[in-house]
Amino acid sequence: MGIKEGLLIISLFLFNPPQKVIKLGTLAPEGSAWHEAYSLFKKIVEEKSEKRIKVLIYPGGVMGDEADMARKIRMGQLQAGAFTEFGVSIFIPEIRIFNFLFFYRDYEEWDSTRDFVVEDIRRAGESKGVIFLGWIETGPVFLYSSRDISSLEKLKSTKYWVWQGDLHARNFVEKVLSASPIILQIIDVFNALKMGLVDTVYSPPYTLLSLQWASSIKYFLSPPCTFTGGGILIDKNVFNSLEERDRILLINTWREIFPLLKSKMNELNKKTQEELIRNGIKEIHLDEETLSTLTERADSVNSETANTLGFPLLYVKVKNMLNSMRKR
């Protein structure tokens, strides 16, 4: 190779550096509000990075369940994932505090907790090899069933789906509802509902509709037992390999998109629940005595989860914050 050829290759490298490819997996179905948000993220990042970064989105669970996607991130087959809180918890167990049952009185309490603990979540993620890029909105979690679940006895006798690997949900079914869980990956729930292997699921309204579970549902329990969201995670080594301006770009881009997704999801969950009721799904309101019993049992499970997963101090920190909010 001559000097001229060598200089040409160097100049091409300097002015056209190798493109960084970020493969992002998600369970969100193609065309859903979440997928639209991730597609907007891809568009903005690719344009503003002048194509130094290419984002490839794999929707609808084509990369497997969330445990599969987490494993692929660790193996380098994926660089990022848009996860539910269950998926995030594979890397950051502390995120499960947002799924604590009958712990938040309303959406405002739950949403305020995100701002309160976000730095704790980021530090925990970095220590486990991932960067917590930002929140994902999902919504209030209701119990939906094909059977009447209007009493503790009826709750106890139903066949509950529990996401495979979700210890907290399993404890909820076994210790709060005194029932036996049916453990499945989320991608198997649709068929299980159709075949009658499962008759009760936990889900936000829009998620229920997006995953096509609603056709098997006749009842839902009110109020919601918790709220749920998630987060976008990117492999720490991949993130740190990016130029500083591109690291900032990824964070700021999702920070701008998240409020749009949050507003959209709140609207969709409200409209979806109204649509489910119009289509004949019956709302069952828990009486005060039953709600009190479930809340008391859930408190014990929440505390157990915090201790088992290793964040008792964060649990106390959030409880104290919520108590302060309730005194205002």
Protein backbone atom coordinates (compact mmCIF):
# COMPACT_ATOMS: atom_id res chain seq x y z
CA MET A 1 0.00 0.00 0.00
CA GLY A 2 1.36 3.40 -0.98
CA ILE A 3 1.41 6.58 1.09
CA LYS A 4 -1.49 8.09 -0.87
CA GLU A 5 -3.68 5.03 -0.38
CA GLY A 6 -2.85 4.96 3.34
CA LEU A 7 -3.72 8.65 3.74
CA LEU A 8 -6.99 8.10 1.86
CA ILE A 9 -8.02 5.28 4.21
CA ILE A 10 -7.14 7.39 7.28
CA SER A 11 -9.10 10.37 5.96
CA LEU A 12 -12.12 8.18 5.19
CA PHE A 13 -12.01 6.78 8.73
CA LEU A 14 -11.73 10.24 10.29
CA PHE A 15 -14.58 11.77 8.31
CA ASN A 16 -16.72 8.62 8.19
CA PRO A 17 -16.16 6.82 11.50
CA PRO A 18 -17.61 3.29 11.88
CA GLN A 19 -21.34 3.40 12.57
CA LYS A 20 -22.42 2.23 16.01
CA VAL A 21 -25.37 -0.17 15.80
CA ILE A 22 -27.74 -0.41 18.76
CA LYS A 23 -30.12 -3.37 18.56
CA LEU A 24 -33.08 -2.77 20.89
CA GLY A 25 -35.50 -5.54 21.83
CA THR A 26 -39.00 -5.06 23.23
CA LEU A 27 -42.20 -6.99 23.86
CA ALA A 28 -44.21 -3.99 22.62
CA PRO A 29 -46.24 -5.00 19.56
CA GLU A 30 -45.50 -3.27 16.28
CA GLY A 31 -47.87 -0.32 15.85
CA SER A 32 -48.50 0.11 19.59
CA ALA A 33 -47.97 3.47 21.35
CA TRP A 34 -44.71 2.15 22.82
CA HIS A 35 -43.41 1.02 19.43
CA GLU A 36 -44.28 4.44 17.99
CA ALA A 37 -42.25 6.11 20.76
CA TYR A 38 -39.25 3.84 20.14
CA SER A 39 -39.50 4.49 16.39
CA LEU A 40 -39.46 8.24 17.05
CA PHE A 41 -36.41 7.73 19.28
CA LYS A 42 -34.69 5.86 16.44
CA LYS A 43 -35.54 8.57 13.90
CA ILE A 44 -34.28 11.47 16.05
CA VAL A 45 -31.10 9.70 17.19
CA GLU A 46 -30.12 8.65 13.68
CA GLU A 47 -30.79 12.11 12.28
CA LYS A 48 -29.12 14.14 15.03
CA SER A 49 -26.10 11.83 15.21
CA GLU A 50 -25.75 12.28 11.44
CA LYS A 51 -26.03 8.49 11.28
CA ARG A 52 -23.07 7.84 13.56
CA ILE A 53 -25.63 5.70 15.41
CA LYS A 54 -28.05 3.24 13.85
CA VAL A 55 -30.92 1.94 15.99
CA LEU A 56 -32.55 -1.38 15.06
CA ILE A 57 -35.82 -2.13 16.86
CA TYR A 58 -37.02 -5.71 17.37
CA PRO A 59 -40.69 -5.47 18.52
CA GLY A 60 -43.30 -7.98 19.55
CA GLY A 61 -41.01 -10.32 21.46
CA VAL A 62 -39.14 -11.53 18.36
CA MET A 63 -36.03 -11.57 20.55
CA GLY A 64 -37.86 -13.71 23.13
CA ASP A 65 -39.34 -12.96 26.52
CA GLU A 66 -37.67 -10.32 28.70
CA ALA A 67 -35.42 -12.86 30.40
CA ASP A 68 -34.21 -13.89 26.93
CA MET A 69 -33.56 -10.27 25.97
CA ALA A 70 -31.65 -9.64 29.20
CA ARG A 71 -29.48 -12.66 28.48
CA LYS A 72 -28.84 -11.44 24.93
CA ILE A 73 -27.73 -8.04 26.24
CA ARG A 74 -25.24 -9.76 28.53
CA MET A 75 -24.00 -11.87 25.61
CA GLY A 76 -23.71 -8.88 23.28
CA GLN A 77 -26.43 -10.07 20.86
CA LEU A 78 -28.56 -7.07 21.84
CA GLN A 79 -27.23 -3.72 22.99
CA ALA A 80 -30.42 -2.37 24.56
CA GLY A 81 -33.93 -3.24 25.66
CA ALA A 82 -37.18 -1.44 26.36
CA PHE A 83 -38.35 -3.42 29.36
CA THR A 84 -41.28 -3.65 31.74
CA GLU A 85 -40.34 -3.28 35.40
CA PHE A 86 -40.07 -7.07 35.58
CA GLY A 87 -37.45 -7.03 32.82
CA VAL A 88 -35.58 -4.10 34.35
CA SER A 89 -35.51 -5.96 37.68
CA ILE A 90 -33.33 -8.70 36.14
CA PHE A 91 -30.58 -6.07 36.21
CA ILE A 92 -31.94 -3.63 38.82
CA PRO A 93 -34.03 -5.38 41.51
CA GLU A 94 -34.77 -2.01 43.15
CA ILE A 95 -37.20 -1.19 40.33
CA ARG A 96 -39.71 -3.63 41.85
CA ILE A 97 -40.66 -1.05 44.47
CA PHE A 98 -42.87 0.43 41.74
CA ASN A 99 -44.90 -2.80 41.60
CA PHE A 100 -45.53 -3.01 45.34
CA LEU A 101 -49.14 -4.04 45.89
CA PHE A 102 -51.70 -1.74 47.47
CA PHE A 103 -48.69 0.43 48.37
CA TYR A 104 -49.56 3.58 46.41
CA ARG A 105 -52.92 5.24 47.02
CA ASP A 106 -53.04 6.84 43.60
CA TYR A 107 -51.09 7.57 40.42
CA GLU A 108 -49.68 10.83 41.82
CA GLU A 109 -47.92 8.98 44.65
CA TRP A 110 -46.49 6.40 42.28
CA ASP A 111 -45.37 8.98 39.73
CA SER A 112 -43.72 11.16 42.41
CA THR A 113 -41.72 8.16 43.57
CA ARG A 114 -40.05 7.90 40.14
CA ASP A 115 -38.51 11.36 40.47
CA PHE A 116 -37.60 10.64 44.09
CA VAL A 117 -35.57 7.47 43.41
CA VAL A 118 -34.35 7.84 39.81
CA GLU A 119 -30.72 8.39 40.87
CA ASP A 120 -30.86 5.30 43.09
CA ILE A 121 -32.06 3.32 40.06
CA ARG A 122 -29.32 4.74 37.81
CA ARG A 123 -26.55 3.95 40.32
CA ALA A 124 -27.87 0.42 40.82
CA GLY A 125 -27.95 -0.10 37.05
CA GLU A 126 -24.38 1.07 36.50
CA SER A 127 -23.18 -1.30 39.20
CA LYS A 128 -24.83 -4.15 37.24
CA GLY A 129 -23.41 -3.15 33.86
CA VAL A 130 -26.32 -1.25 32.33
CA ILE A 131 -27.28 2.37 31.85
CA PHE A 132 -30.83 3.32 32.81
CA LEU A 133 -31.68 5.64 29.93
CA GLY A 134 -35.13 6.63 31.18
CA TRP A 135 -38.63 5.60 32.21
CA ILE A 136 -41.36 3.91 30.20
CA GLU A 137 -45.03 4.48 30.98
CA THR A 138 -47.47 1.56 31.17
CA GLY A 139 -50.25 2.35 33.65
CA PRO A 140 -52.51 1.15 36.48
CA VAL A 141 -52.57 -2.62 37.03
CA PHE A 142 -55.96 -4.27 37.44
CA LEU A 143 -56.88 -7.90 38.04
CA TYR A 144 -58.86 -9.09 34.99
CA SER A 145 -60.69 -12.39 34.95
CA SER A 146 -63.07 -14.56 32.99
CA ARG A 147 -64.65 -15.49 36.35
CA ASP A 148 -66.44 -13.55 39.07
CA ILE A 149 -63.79 -12.34 41.56
CA SER A 150 -66.04 -10.33 43.85
CA SER A 151 -64.96 -11.89 47.18
CA LEU A 152 -61.88 -13.27 48.92
CA GLU A 153 -63.20 -16.81 48.48
CA LYS A 154 -63.74 -16.30 44.75
CA LEU A 155 -60.33 -14.64 44.41
CA LYS A 156 -58.78 -17.66 46.08
CA SER A 157 -60.31 -20.17 43.66
CA THR A 158 -59.21 -18.66 40.34
CA LYS A 159 -56.31 -19.70 38.10
CA TYR A 160 -53.83 -16.80 38.13
CA TRP A 161 -51.19 -16.24 35.54
CA VAL A 162 -47.79 -15.27 37.00
CA TRP A 163 -44.91 -14.24 34.76
CA GLN A 164 -42.16 -16.85 34.85
CA GLY A 165 -39.42 -15.62 37.19
CA ASP A 166 -41.59 -12.96 38.85
CA LEU A 167 -41.16 -13.85 42.52
CA HIS A 168 -43.06 -10.79 43.73
CA ALA A 169 -46.18 -11.58 41.67
CA ARG A 170 -45.98 -15.20 42.79
CA ASN A 171 -45.88 -14.10 46.44
CA PHE A 172 -48.86 -11.85 45.81
CA VAL A 173 -50.93 -14.73 44.44
CA GLU A 174 -49.84 -17.23 47.08
CA LYS A 175 -49.68 -15.03 50.20
CA VAL A 176 -52.12 -12.19 49.53
CA LEU A 177 -54.79 -14.01 47.55
CA SER A 178 -54.09 -17.47 49.06
CA ALA A 179 -54.26 -18.97 45.56
CA SER A 180 -52.07 -21.14 43.35
CA PRO A 181 -50.25 -19.43 40.46
CA ILE A 182 -49.97 -20.70 36.88
CA ILE A 183 -46.43 -19.77 35.86
CA LEU A 184 -45.95 -18.90 32.18
CA GLN A 185 -43.93 -16.62 29.95
CA ILE A 186 -45.95 -13.63 28.81
CA ILE A 187 -45.93 -14.79 25.19
CA ASP A 188 -47.87 -17.94 26.24
CA VAL A 189 -50.70 -16.16 28.11
CA PHE A 190 -52.96 -15.54 25.09
CA ASN A 191 -53.28 -19.25 24.31
CA ALA A 192 -53.55 -20.15 28.01
CA LEU A 193 -56.55 -17.81 28.37
CA LYS A 194 -58.21 -19.24 25.27
CA MET A 195 -57.71 -22.81 26.48
CA GLY A 196 -58.88 -22.07 30.03
CA LEU A 197 -55.52 -22.96 31.59
CA VAL A 198 -55.52 -19.44 33.07
CA ASP A 199 -58.57 -17.33 33.90
CA THR A 200 -57.10 -14.31 35.72
CA VAL A 201 -54.31 -11.95 34.71
CA TYR A 202 -52.81 -8.70 36.02
CA SER A 203 -52.37 -5.92 33.47
CA PRO A 204 -52.92 -2.25 32.62
CA PRO A 205 -55.95 -1.76 30.32
CA TYR A 206 -54.06 -0.80 27.15
CA THR A 207 -51.61 -3.69 27.62
CA LEU A 208 -54.54 -6.10 27.97
CA LEU A 209 -55.90 -4.85 24.66
CA SER A 210 -52.50 -4.73 22.90
CA LEU A 211 -51.74 -8.35 23.80
CA GLN A 212 -55.24 -9.41 22.67
CA TRP A 213 -56.20 -10.80 26.06
CA ALA A 214 -59.41 -8.75 26.39
CA SER A 215 -61.57 -11.17 24.39
CA SER A 216 -61.25 -13.71 27.25
CA ILE A 217 -62.14 -11.26 30.04
CA LYS A 218 -65.52 -10.68 31.72
CA TYR A 219 -64.62 -8.94 35.01
CA PHE A 220 -62.03 -6.61 36.49
CA LEU A 221 -61.29 -5.59 40.05
CA SER A 222 -61.23 -1.94 41.13
CA PRO A 223 -59.24 -0.07 42.42
CA PRO A 224 -55.96 -1.06 40.72
CA CYS A 225 -53.66 -3.19 42.88
CA THR A 226 -50.58 -1.22 41.76
CA PHE A 227 -49.12 0.79 38.88
CA THR A 228 -46.40 -0.19 36.46
CA GLY A 229 -43.96 1.21 33.94
CA GLY A 230 -40.50 0.18 32.91
CA GLY A 231 -37.32 1.56 31.46
CA ILE A 232 -34.89 1.60 28.57
CA LEU A 233 -31.59 -0.08 29.38
CA ILE A 234 -28.41 -0.02 27.32
CA ASP A 235 -25.27 -2.06 27.90
CA LYS A 236 -22.80 0.08 29.88
CA ASN A 237 -19.79 -0.84 27.74
CA VAL A 238 -21.69 -0.02 24.55
CA PHE A 239 -22.87 3.29 26.00
CA ASN A 240 -19.38 4.26 27.16
CA SER A 241 -17.94 3.41 23.74
CA LEU A 242 -20.02 6.19 22.18
CA GLU A 243 -18.76 9.72 21.74
CA GLU A 244 -19.80 11.98 24.62
CA ARG A 245 -22.11 14.00 22.35
CA ASP A 246 -23.89 10.80 21.36
CA ARG A 247 -24.26 9.62 24.95
CA ILE A 248 -25.88 12.97 25.75
CA LEU A 249 -28.02 12.68 22.62
CA LEU A 250 -29.46 9.30 23.68
CA ILE A 251 -30.35 10.53 27.17
CA ASN A 252 -31.82 13.86 26.05
CA THR A 253 -33.80 12.33 23.18
CA TRP A 254 -35.62 9.88 25.42
CA ARG A 255 -36.09 12.60 28.06
CA GLU A 256 -37.98 14.62 25.43
CA ILE A 257 -40.04 11.66 24.19
CA PHE A 258 -41.05 10.25 27.59
CA PRO A 259 -43.55 13.03 28.53
CA LEU A 260 -45.29 12.44 25.19
CA LEU A 261 -45.50 8.70 25.86
CA LYS A 262 -46.64 9.31 29.43
CA SER A 263 -49.50 11.56 28.31
CA LYS A 264 -50.45 9.17 25.52
CA MET A 265 -50.51 6.13 27.79
CA ASN A 266 -52.65 7.86 30.43
CA GLU A 267 -55.13 8.76 27.70
CA LEU A 268 -55.08 5.28 26.14
CA ASN A 269 -55.53 3.47 29.47
CA LYS A 270 -58.52 5.64 30.35
CA LYS A 271 -60.14 5.19 26.93
CA THR A 272 -59.41 1.46 26.86
CA GLN A 273 -60.97 0.88 30.28
CA GLU A 274 -64.07 2.79 29.20
CA GLU A 275 -64.22 0.72 26.02
CA LEU A 276 -63.90 -2.54 27.97
CA ILE A 277 -66.82 -1.52 30.17
CA ARG A 278 -68.94 -0.54 27.12
CA ASN A 279 -68.18 -3.95 25.65
CA GLY A 280 -69.64 -5.67 28.68
CA ILE A 281 -66.70 -6.28 31.01
CA LYS A 282 -68.03 -5.78 34.53
CA GLU A 283 -66.22 -3.62 37.09
CA ILE A 284 -66.16 -5.11 40.60
CA HIS A 285 -65.51 -2.65 43.42
CA LEU A 286 -63.72 -4.01 46.47
CA ASP A 287 -65.51 -3.27 49.72
CA GLU A 288 -63.53 -1.56 52.49
CA GLU A 289 -63.14 -4.71 54.59
CA THR A 290 -61.78 -6.78 51.70
CA LEU A 291 -59.47 -3.97 50.58
CA SER A 292 -58.16 -3.59 54.14
CA THR A 293 -57.47 -7.33 54.39
CA LEU A 294 -55.62 -7.39 51.07
CA THR A 295 -53.62 -4.27 51.94
CA GLU A 296 -52.54 -5.74 55.28
CA ARG A 297 -51.39 -8.96 53.62
CA ALA A 298 -49.66 -7.02 50.83
CA ASP A 299 -47.68 -4.93 53.32
CA SER A 300 -46.03 -8.10 54.56
CA VAL A 301 -45.24 -9.28 51.03
CA ASN A 302 -43.86 -5.87 50.04
CA SER A 303 -41.52 -5.84 53.01
CA GLU A 304 -40.44 -9.42 52.30
CA THR A 305 -39.69 -8.56 48.66
CA ALA A 306 -37.58 -5.53 49.63
CA ASN A 307 -35.52 -7.66 52.01
CA THR A 308 -35.20 -10.63 49.65
CA LEU A 309 -34.13 -8.50 46.69
CA GLY A 310 -31.75 -6.43 48.80
CA PHE A 311 -33.22 -2.93 49.03
CA PRO A 312 -34.72 -2.56 52.54
CA LEU A 313 -33.25 0.95 52.94
CA LEU A 314 -34.83 2.15 49.69
CA TYR A 315 -38.14 0.67 50.84
CA VAL A 316 -37.99 2.66 54.08
CA LYS A 317 -36.93 5.79 52.17
CA VAL A 318 -39.97 5.57 49.88
CA LYS A 319 -42.36 4.75 52.73
CA ASN A 320 -41.18 7.84 54.58
CA MET A 321 -41.65 9.98 51.47
CA LEU A 322 -45.18 8.69 50.96
CA ASN A 323 -46.05 9.28 54.62
CA SER A 324 -44.84 12.87 54.27
CA MET A 325 -46.99 13.36 51.14
CA ARG A 326 -50.05 12.04 52.96
CA LYS A 327 -49.62 14.51 55.82
CA ARG A 328 -49.82 17.54 53.54
